[in-house]
Protein backbone atom coordinates (compact mmCIF):
# COMPACT_ATOMS: atom_id res chain seq x y z
CA MET A 1 102.33 101.99 86.42
CA SER A 2 101.93 105.11 84.11
CA HIS A 3 104.11 108.22 84.60
CA TYR A 4 100.85 110.18 85.25
CA LEU A 5 99.77 107.76 88.07
CA ALA A 6 103.40 107.80 89.42
CA GLU A 7 103.50 111.69 89.46
CA PHE A 8 100.05 111.37 91.40
CA VAL A 9 101.17 108.82 94.02
CA GLY A 10 104.67 110.36 94.41
CA THR A 11 103.32 113.90 95.12
CA ALA A 12 100.57 112.68 97.42
CA MET A 13 103.45 110.79 99.39
CA LEU A 14 105.59 113.81 99.28
CA VAL A 15 102.85 116.06 100.67
CA PHE A 16 101.78 113.30 103.22
CA LEU A 17 105.24 113.01 104.66
CA GLY A 18 106.20 116.45 104.57
CA ASP A 19 103.12 118.01 106.03
CA GLY A 20 102.81 114.97 108.32
CA VAL A 21 106.15 116.19 109.79
CA CYS A 22 104.71 119.71 110.20
CA ALA A 23 101.81 118.43 111.92
CA ASN A 24 103.83 116.09 114.33
CA CYS A 25 106.08 119.16 115.28
CA THR A 26 102.96 121.62 115.52
CA LEU A 27 99.82 120.10 116.84
CA ALA A 28 99.04 120.08 120.48
CA LYS A 29 99.41 116.65 122.38
CA SER A 30 101.46 115.37 119.52
CA LYS A 31 104.59 113.43 120.66
CA GLY A 32 106.84 115.49 118.30
CA GLN A 33 105.32 118.87 119.38
CA ASN A 34 107.88 121.88 119.39
CA SER A 35 110.69 119.55 117.82
CA GLY A 36 112.06 122.42 116.16
CA TRP A 37 113.25 123.57 112.62
CA ILE A 38 115.71 120.98 112.36
CA VAL A 39 113.33 118.03 112.55
CA VAL A 40 111.09 119.91 109.91
CA THR A 41 114.10 120.55 107.51
CA ILE A 42 115.18 116.84 107.85
CA GLY A 43 111.74 115.56 107.52
CA TRP A 44 111.03 117.48 104.40
CA ALA A 45 114.47 116.36 102.90
CA PHE A 46 113.28 112.78 103.10
CA ALA A 47 109.75 113.29 102.18
CA VAL A 48 110.94 114.56 98.78
CA GLY A 49 113.94 111.93 98.65
CA VAL A 50 111.78 108.96 99.37
CA PRO A 51 109.42 109.20 96.55
CA ALA A 52 112.32 110.28 94.13
CA PHE A 53 113.93 106.90 95.08
CA LEU A 54 110.82 104.91 94.86
CA PHE A 55 109.83 106.26 91.46
CA GLN A 56 113.15 106.80 89.92
CA ASP A 57 112.32 104.73 86.98
CA PHE A 58 109.70 107.25 85.84
CA SER A 59 110.05 111.03 85.19
CA ASN A 60 109.43 111.63 88.96
CA HIS A 61 108.95 115.48 89.24
CA PHE A 62 106.16 115.71 91.87
CA ASN A 63 106.46 119.54 91.34
CA PRO A 64 104.83 121.72 88.53
CA ALA A 65 107.46 124.19 88.72
CA LEU A 66 110.13 121.44 87.83
CA THR A 67 107.92 120.09 85.22
CA ILE A 68 107.26 123.39 83.69
CA ALA A 69 111.02 124.34 83.84
CA PHE A 70 112.34 121.14 82.22
CA ALA A 71 109.79 121.65 79.25
CA VAL A 72 111.07 125.25 78.78
CA ILE A 73 114.67 123.90 78.08
CA GLY A 74 113.38 120.76 76.15
CA LYS A 75 114.32 118.24 78.78
CA PHE A 76 110.51 117.31 78.90
CA PRO A 77 107.88 116.87 76.37
CA ALA A 78 105.60 119.98 76.48
CA ALA A 79 102.68 117.77 75.55
CA GLN A 80 102.70 115.89 78.85
CA VAL A 81 103.00 119.01 80.90
CA PRO A 82 99.27 119.49 81.58
CA GLY A 83 98.66 115.70 82.67
CA TYR A 84 101.78 116.01 84.94
CA VAL A 85 100.55 119.15 86.54
CA VAL A 86 97.13 117.76 86.96
CA ALA A 87 98.28 114.55 88.58
CA GLN A 88 100.71 116.47 90.79
CA MET A 89 97.96 118.90 92.01
CA LEU A 90 95.50 116.18 92.72
CA GLY A 91 98.30 114.15 94.46
CA GLY A 92 99.03 117.13 96.76
CA VAL A 93 95.34 117.37 97.72
CA VAL A 94 95.17 113.76 98.63
CA GLY A 95 98.50 113.87 100.56
CA ALA A 96 97.07 116.76 102.69
CA THR A 97 93.90 114.99 103.41
CA LEU A 98 95.80 112.19 104.72
CA VAL A 99 97.42 114.33 107.00
CA TRP A 100 94.23 115.79 108.30
CA LEU A 101 92.94 112.25 108.92
CA ALA A 102 96.09 110.94 110.53
CA TYR A 103 96.14 113.63 113.23
CA LEU A 104 92.29 114.02 113.44
CA PRO A 105 92.00 114.36 117.16
CA HIS A 106 94.71 116.90 117.67
CA TRP A 107 93.12 119.64 115.44
CA ALA A 108 90.42 120.34 118.14
CA GLU A 109 93.36 120.23 120.85
CA THR A 110 95.29 123.11 118.89
CA GLU A 111 94.02 126.57 119.48
CA ASP A 112 96.34 128.50 117.11
CA LYS A 113 94.78 128.78 113.76
CA SER A 114 97.86 130.23 111.97
CA ALA A 115 99.76 127.14 113.20
CA LYS A 116 97.23 124.66 111.68
CA LEU A 117 97.36 126.28 108.35
CA SER A 118 101.12 126.20 108.43
CA ILE A 119 101.06 122.60 108.51
CA PHE A 120 99.24 122.64 105.11
CA CYS A 121 100.89 125.56 103.49
CA THR A 122 103.52 128.35 103.75
CA ILE A 123 103.01 131.45 105.70
CA PRO A 124 105.76 134.22 105.34
CA ALA A 125 107.69 135.11 108.66
CA ILE A 126 107.52 138.89 107.54
CA ARG A 127 104.65 139.60 105.17
CA ASN A 128 106.57 141.61 102.23
CA TYR A 129 105.33 140.25 98.94
CA PRO A 130 108.24 141.56 96.91
CA ALA A 131 110.65 139.88 99.31
CA ASN A 132 108.73 136.76 99.76
CA PHE A 133 108.50 136.44 96.04
CA LEU A 134 112.16 136.66 95.71
CA THR A 135 112.91 134.27 98.29
CA GLU A 136 110.68 131.74 96.57
CA PHE A 137 112.27 132.63 93.26
CA LEU A 138 115.86 132.12 94.26
CA ALA A 139 115.15 128.87 96.31
CA THR A 140 113.41 127.30 93.47
CA ALA A 141 115.88 128.41 90.76
CA VAL A 142 118.70 126.85 92.98
CA LEU A 143 116.32 123.64 93.38
CA VAL A 144 115.88 123.28 89.62
CA PHE A 145 119.28 124.16 88.66
CA SER A 146 120.60 121.42 91.25
CA LEU A 147 118.34 118.77 90.17
CA ALA A 148 119.01 119.35 86.38
CA THR A 149 122.70 119.33 87.17
CA VAL A 150 122.33 115.89 89.02
CA GLY A 151 121.25 114.27 85.70
CA THR A 152 124.53 115.50 83.98
CA VAL A 153 127.03 113.83 86.68
CA LYS A 154 127.56 110.34 87.78
CA VAL A 155 125.17 109.49 90.91
CA ALA A 156 125.19 106.04 92.43
CA ASP A 157 121.87 103.97 91.65
CA GLY A 158 119.39 103.33 94.38
CA MET A 159 120.41 104.95 97.78
CA GLY A 160 122.66 107.51 95.95
CA ALA A 161 119.60 108.99 94.43
CA ILE A 162 117.76 109.66 97.65
CA VAL A 163 120.99 111.08 99.39
CA VAL A 164 121.46 113.61 96.68
CA VAL A 165 118.01 114.67 96.49
CA SER A 166 117.38 114.84 100.24
CA ALA A 167 120.61 116.83 100.67
CA ILE A 168 119.45 119.48 98.10
CA ILE A 169 116.18 119.89 99.93
CA PHE A 170 117.61 119.86 103.28
CA ILE A 171 120.44 122.66 102.58
CA LEU A 172 117.53 124.80 100.88
CA GLY A 173 115.45 124.39 103.88
CA ALA A 174 118.21 125.14 106.18
CA ALA A 175 119.53 128.09 104.21
CA LEU A 176 116.51 129.50 102.63
CA GLY A 177 113.47 128.44 104.61
CA GLY A 178 113.49 130.96 107.27
CA PRO A 179 111.53 133.84 105.26
CA THR A 180 108.75 131.98 103.60
CA GLY A 181 109.11 128.34 104.88
CA TYR A 182 110.55 127.36 101.28
CA ALA A 183 107.41 126.18 99.30
CA MET A 184 109.37 125.77 95.93
CA ASN A 185 106.41 123.63 94.66
CA PRO A 186 102.98 124.71 93.85
CA ALA A 187 101.59 121.18 94.42
CA ARG A 188 103.11 121.15 97.88
CA ASP A 189 101.69 124.48 98.68
CA LEU A 190 98.40 125.27 96.73
CA SER A 191 97.04 121.86 96.62
CA PRO A 192 97.12 121.58 100.74
CA ARG A 193 95.90 124.88 100.88
CA ILE A 194 92.87 123.93 98.83
CA ALA A 195 92.38 120.87 101.30
CA HIS A 196 92.69 123.24 104.13
CA ALA A 197 89.79 125.29 102.56
CA ILE A 198 87.34 122.71 101.81
CA PHE A 199 87.72 120.29 104.54
CA PRO A 200 86.00 120.67 107.93
CA ILE A 201 89.25 120.94 110.01
CA SER A 202 88.56 121.57 113.50
CA GLY A 203 88.83 125.24 114.84
CA LYS A 204 90.65 126.24 111.42
CA GLY A 205 90.91 129.96 110.41
CA ASP A 206 90.98 131.38 106.74
CA SER A 207 93.39 129.84 104.09
CA ASP A 208 95.29 133.12 103.61
CA TRP A 209 94.38 133.40 99.79
CA ALA A 210 95.95 136.72 99.48
CA TYR A 211 99.39 135.09 99.96
CA ALA A 212 98.52 131.94 97.94
CA TRP A 213 100.04 133.39 94.58
CA ILE A 214 103.40 133.67 96.01
CA PRO A 215 104.34 129.99 96.41
CA VAL A 216 102.79 129.33 93.14
CA PHE A 217 104.29 131.98 90.78
CA GLY A 218 107.46 132.48 92.51
CA PRO A 219 108.49 128.79 92.38
CA ILE A 220 107.39 128.60 88.57
CA ILE A 221 109.31 131.56 87.53
CA GLY A 222 112.44 130.72 89.52
CA GLY A 223 112.27 127.18 88.36
CA ILE A 224 112.45 128.37 84.61
CA ALA A 225 115.26 130.81 85.49
CA GLY A 226 117.26 127.91 87.15
CA ALA A 227 116.71 125.68 84.12
CA LEU A 228 117.59 128.43 81.70
CA LEU A 229 120.87 128.75 83.83
CA PHE A 230 121.28 125.25 83.55
CA ALA A 231 121.04 125.26 79.70
CA MET A 232 123.47 127.93 79.48
CA ILE A 233 126.07 126.26 81.45
CA PHE A 234 125.65 122.66 80.44
């Protein structure tokens, strides 16, 4: 399997599982409806950790912010960035499409249009663009710094990788997910938002494009900051 294909499949799996958790906890008549934030944070932690484990023999980023940040500090070849980002974004669209199909009867049963959108992409708890940007910036800076640091310490092979990655995602969701929903990844937010816009999801509202730039540029700039901090320390 090529690195680009691994990025495509891994990102599709990440979004399918992560957005699937959101759908399970949100959509009407789902068996997991109203399960709550803890289920979402745990689910997302393993939605990221499982692909990281499965594709650990590849440069498994599944996140344009991570790819760009690593390229900035020389930990990843800049020439491969465009291919990785394209693969990640396409994978995100496929993963979101699979969530729509998996829960197909439940969209019509759910009246809340905002709730449906929140399955695909993030919506701020309080719409304050500077504050929202700062939250995404800080969360992604911590994410990239942490993941870069993992590569400098001894982590057990196999299950050790999934535990460490999942723990990082879980604590970020528990600590910093409240204001914006902790996108931290353009392929996790923009790609599913595109899927929400183009597919005939029953009873959907608009895709909130006015907010869409926050979970794209906040993570990218925050990721670069986290990578630069790593480079300064290590």
